[in-house]
Amino acid sequence: MIIRQMTLGPIQANCFILGCEDTRQAVVIDPGDDADRILTRLAGDRLTVVHIINTHGHFDHVGANKRLKETTGADILIHGADAPMLTQLSATAAAWGLAAEDSPTADRLLEDGDTISFGTHTLKVLHTPGHTIGGICLYVEHTHAGALKKAVFVGDTLFAGSIGRTDFPGGNFDTLINSIQTKLFTLDEDVTVYPGHMGNTAIGVEKRTNPFCGMG
């Protein structure tokens, strides 16, 4: 599986492109800004986007939805609890002194346990509320050089040595910690964690060392 990681926009959010090497189908996770960069990367890898997936509804993770959908025709997927946020992006960005285009409405509303397919790969949806009500993570297993690899794309649920903020509307600290402990820390320790900001980590590392999660 092809994995491309880009840091986009003034808040430096991570966007991920996952591509199938056999079919060249792809998904874009959290296109927060700079649609041209995303489109250039897709073209360079000869990938066709079939799904735009938002881990949650904050503008720094969905700001390029509109342009990307207009250009590629891909479906927009988000958890139902965060779907209303897509049409409020310009207002929430303005509160930060920034600009964002409102997103088109979602084509598919996700729930815990759903699967999302592209090419020969399948993502499993884990509902992980706490940063937002409808926050999700996306788990996938794939082979690389003959070895099984496991990865989870966690949005703003979990960071390397930290967790997502819970002081925004819909945030709740206890709910977020419960999500991390019951949905993420039950995964294998060798699962690579791809967060929505900053660098990557692993489930085992965070279980042992993350000071917020009480599992060390």
Protein backbone atom coordinates (compact mmCIF):
# COMPACT_ATOMS: atom_id res chain seq x y z
CA MET A 1 0.00 0.00 0.00
CA ILE A 2 1.20 3.48 -0.85
CA ILE A 3 1.22 5.90 2.09
CA ARG A 4 1.94 9.59 1.48
CA GLN A 5 1.99 12.08 4.35
CA MET A 6 1.79 15.86 3.93
CA THR A 7 1.62 18.64 6.49
CA LEU A 8 -0.78 21.31 5.28
CA GLY A 9 -2.17 24.71 6.25
CA PRO A 10 -1.34 27.28 8.92
CA ILE A 11 -2.19 24.87 11.76
CA GLN A 12 0.10 22.22 10.25
CA ALA A 13 -2.34 19.33 10.07
CA ASN A 14 -1.28 16.01 8.60
CA CYS A 15 -3.04 14.78 5.46
CA PHE A 16 -2.60 11.20 4.27
CA ILE A 17 -3.00 9.65 0.84
CA LEU A 18 -3.40 5.87 0.84
CA GLY A 19 -3.14 4.18 -2.53
CA CYS A 20 -3.58 0.69 -3.93
CA GLU A 21 -0.55 -0.32 -5.99
CA ASP A 22 -2.62 -2.79 -8.04
CA THR A 23 -5.66 -0.69 -9.00
CA ARG A 24 -4.28 2.85 -8.40
CA GLN A 25 -7.41 3.68 -6.38
CA ALA A 26 -6.82 5.93 -3.38
CA VAL A 27 -8.35 7.64 -0.39
CA VAL A 28 -7.40 11.02 1.03
CA ILE A 29 -7.62 11.30 4.81
CA ASP A 30 -8.06 14.82 6.26
CA PRO A 31 -7.41 17.18 3.35
CA GLY A 32 -7.13 20.26 5.55
CA ASP A 33 -5.74 22.79 3.07
CA ASP A 34 -3.74 23.28 -0.13
CA ALA A 35 -5.74 21.12 -2.51
CA ASP A 36 -3.22 21.79 -5.27
CA ARG A 37 -0.47 20.04 -3.34
CA ILE A 38 -2.72 17.05 -2.75
CA LEU A 39 -3.74 16.88 -6.40
CA THR A 40 -0.12 17.16 -7.55
CA ARG A 41 0.89 14.28 -5.27
CA LEU A 42 -1.99 12.15 -6.56
CA ALA A 43 -1.02 12.85 -10.15
CA GLY A 44 2.61 12.05 -9.43
CA ASP A 45 1.61 8.65 -8.06
CA ARG A 46 -0.98 8.08 -10.82
CA LEU A 47 -3.71 7.61 -8.23
CA THR A 48 -7.47 8.11 -8.59
CA VAL A 49 -9.31 9.23 -5.45
CA VAL A 50 -12.49 7.33 -4.64
CA HIS A 51 -13.06 8.56 -1.08
CA ILE A 52 -12.28 11.71 0.92
CA ILE A 53 -12.33 10.70 4.59
CA ASN A 54 -12.54 13.19 7.45
CA THR A 55 -11.48 11.90 10.88
CA HIS A 56 -13.45 14.80 12.39
CA GLY A 57 -15.06 18.07 11.37
CA HIS A 58 -12.53 20.75 12.38
CA PHE A 59 -11.63 23.12 9.55
CA ASP A 60 -7.90 22.32 9.63
CA HIS A 61 -8.74 18.72 8.64
CA VAL A 62 -11.49 19.31 6.07
CA GLY A 63 -10.69 22.71 4.50
CA ALA A 64 -9.81 21.28 1.08
CA ASN A 65 -12.88 19.02 0.85
CA LYS A 66 -14.70 21.32 -1.58
CA ARG A 67 -11.91 21.75 -4.10
CA LEU A 68 -10.89 18.11 -3.91
CA LYS A 69 -14.42 16.87 -4.47
CA GLU A 70 -15.02 19.30 -7.33
CA THR A 71 -11.84 18.14 -9.04
CA THR A 72 -12.00 14.39 -8.42
CA GLY A 73 -15.69 13.62 -7.84
CA ALA A 74 -14.75 11.49 -4.83
CA ASP A 75 -17.26 10.82 -2.06
CA ILE A 76 -16.91 12.66 1.27
CA LEU A 77 -17.12 10.39 4.33
CA ILE A 78 -17.44 11.52 7.95
CA HIS A 79 -19.11 10.30 11.14
CA GLY A 80 -22.71 11.46 11.38
CA ALA A 81 -22.15 13.33 14.64
CA ASP A 82 -19.57 15.62 13.00
CA ALA A 83 -21.33 15.98 9.64
CA PRO A 84 -23.08 19.29 10.56
CA MET A 85 -19.66 20.88 11.09
CA LEU A 86 -18.88 20.67 7.36
CA THR A 87 -21.16 23.59 6.53
CA GLN A 88 -19.75 25.79 9.31
CA LEU A 89 -16.08 25.85 8.34
CA SER A 90 -15.90 29.48 7.23
CA ALA A 91 -17.30 30.66 10.57
CA THR A 92 -15.06 28.48 12.73
CA ALA A 93 -11.94 29.37 10.74
CA ALA A 94 -12.78 33.07 11.05
CA ALA A 95 -12.73 32.69 14.83
CA TRP A 96 -9.04 31.79 14.46
CA GLY A 97 -8.42 34.71 12.09
CA LEU A 98 -8.17 32.27 9.17
CA ALA A 99 -10.19 31.47 6.06
CA ALA A 100 -11.77 28.20 4.95
CA GLU A 101 -14.40 27.21 2.42
CA ASP A 102 -17.48 25.39 3.65
CA SER A 103 -17.46 21.76 2.59
CA PRO A 104 -20.12 20.03 0.55
CA THR A 105 -22.31 17.80 2.67
CA ALA A 106 -21.21 14.23 3.28
CA ASP A 107 -21.99 11.50 0.76
CA ARG A 108 -21.73 8.78 3.40
CA LEU A 109 -22.11 8.94 7.18
CA LEU A 110 -19.79 6.58 9.03
CA GLU A 111 -20.40 4.55 12.17
CA ASP A 112 -18.21 2.44 14.43
CA GLY A 113 -17.30 -0.84 12.75
CA ASP A 114 -17.92 0.34 9.20
CA THR A 115 -15.43 -0.55 6.48
CA ILE A 116 -14.14 1.59 3.63
CA SER A 117 -12.64 -0.11 0.60
CA PHE A 118 -10.28 1.15 -2.08
CA GLY A 119 -8.61 -1.21 -4.50
CA THR A 120 -7.56 -4.32 -2.59
CA HIS A 121 -7.42 -2.54 0.79
CA THR A 122 -10.02 -2.06 3.53
CA LEU A 123 -10.07 0.46 6.37
CA LYS A 124 -12.01 -0.26 9.55
CA VAL A 125 -13.74 2.67 11.25
CA LEU A 126 -13.22 3.08 15.01
CA HIS A 127 -15.49 5.69 16.60
CA THR A 128 -13.30 7.55 19.12
CA PRO A 129 -15.24 10.52 20.53
CA GLY A 130 -13.68 12.97 22.95
CA HIS A 131 -11.88 15.51 20.78
CA THR A 132 -15.17 15.87 18.90
CA ILE A 133 -18.37 13.91 19.25
CA GLY A 134 -17.90 12.21 15.92
CA GLY A 135 -14.15 11.66 15.88
CA ILE A 136 -12.97 8.46 14.20
CA CYS A 137 -9.79 6.49 13.64
CA LEU A 138 -9.06 4.25 10.66
CA TYR A 139 -7.32 0.89 11.06
CA VAL A 140 -5.73 -1.05 8.22
CA GLU A 141 -3.53 -4.10 7.71
CA HIS A 142 -1.40 -4.44 4.59
CA THR A 143 1.73 -6.17 3.34
CA HIS A 144 5.00 -4.44 2.53
CA ALA A 145 7.97 -6.32 1.15
CA GLY A 146 6.24 -9.55 2.15
CA ALA A 147 5.71 -8.49 5.78
CA LEU A 148 2.39 -7.73 7.47
CA LYS A 149 2.09 -4.08 8.48
CA LYS A 150 -0.59 -2.59 10.73
CA ALA A 151 -1.48 1.09 10.91
CA VAL A 152 -4.08 3.36 12.44
CA PHE A 153 -4.83 6.91 11.31
CA VAL A 154 -6.04 8.67 14.44
CA GLY A 155 -6.83 12.28 13.52
CA ASP A 156 -6.67 14.38 16.71
CA THR A 157 -7.54 11.52 19.09
CA LEU A 158 -3.95 10.63 20.03
CA PHE A 159 -0.55 12.24 19.48
CA ALA A 160 3.01 11.17 20.19
CA GLY A 161 3.22 11.83 23.92
CA SER A 162 -0.05 13.73 24.04
CA ILE A 163 -3.77 13.66 23.23
CA GLY A 164 -6.24 15.84 21.37
CA ARG A 165 -7.64 18.97 22.97
CA THR A 166 -10.97 18.60 24.74
CA ASP A 167 -11.79 22.28 25.34
CA PHE A 168 -13.57 22.78 22.01
CA PRO A 169 -17.35 22.33 21.65
CA GLY A 170 -18.17 18.63 21.85
CA GLY A 171 -14.90 17.76 23.56
CA ASN A 172 -14.72 15.74 26.77
CA PHE A 173 -11.53 14.58 28.48
CA ASP A 174 -12.94 11.45 30.15
CA THR A 175 -14.62 10.39 26.91
CA LEU A 176 -11.39 10.84 24.97
CA ILE A 177 -9.32 8.81 27.44
CA ASN A 178 -11.93 6.05 27.33
CA SER A 179 -11.79 6.05 23.53
CA ILE A 180 -8.01 5.75 23.55
CA GLN A 181 -7.95 2.97 26.14
CA THR A 182 -10.78 0.88 24.69
CA LYS A 183 -10.39 1.43 20.94
CA LEU A 184 -6.69 2.19 20.36
CA PHE A 185 -4.78 0.61 23.24
CA THR A 186 -6.50 -2.72 22.55
CA LEU A 187 -4.70 -2.84 19.19
CA ASP A 188 -1.39 -4.66 18.85
CA GLU A 189 1.61 -2.78 20.21
CA ASP A 190 3.39 -2.78 16.84
CA VAL A 191 0.60 -0.82 15.13
CA THR A 192 2.01 2.38 13.62
CA VAL A 193 0.07 5.47 14.70
CA TYR A 194 -0.36 8.27 12.16
CA PRO A 195 -1.71 11.35 14.02
CA GLY A 196 -3.35 14.48 12.70
CA HIS A 197 -0.48 16.68 13.89
CA MET A 198 3.24 16.23 14.56
CA GLY A 199 5.17 12.99 14.16
CA ASN A 200 4.19 9.34 14.02
CA THR A 201 4.42 6.85 16.87
CA ALA A 202 3.31 3.32 17.82
CA ILE A 203 0.58 1.92 20.03
CA GLY A 204 3.07 0.20 22.34
CA VAL A 205 5.09 3.38 22.81
CA GLU A 206 2.03 5.38 23.77
CA LYS A 207 0.71 2.71 26.14
CA ARG A 208 4.01 2.76 28.01
CA THR A 209 4.92 6.44 27.95
CA ASN A 210 1.97 8.72 27.16
CA PRO A 211 1.47 10.76 30.36
CA PHE A 212 -2.22 11.41 29.74
CA CYS A 213 -3.45 7.87 29.32
CA GLY A 214 -2.56 6.13 32.57
CA MET A 215 -1.48 2.82 31.05
CA GLY A 216 2.27 2.94 31.76
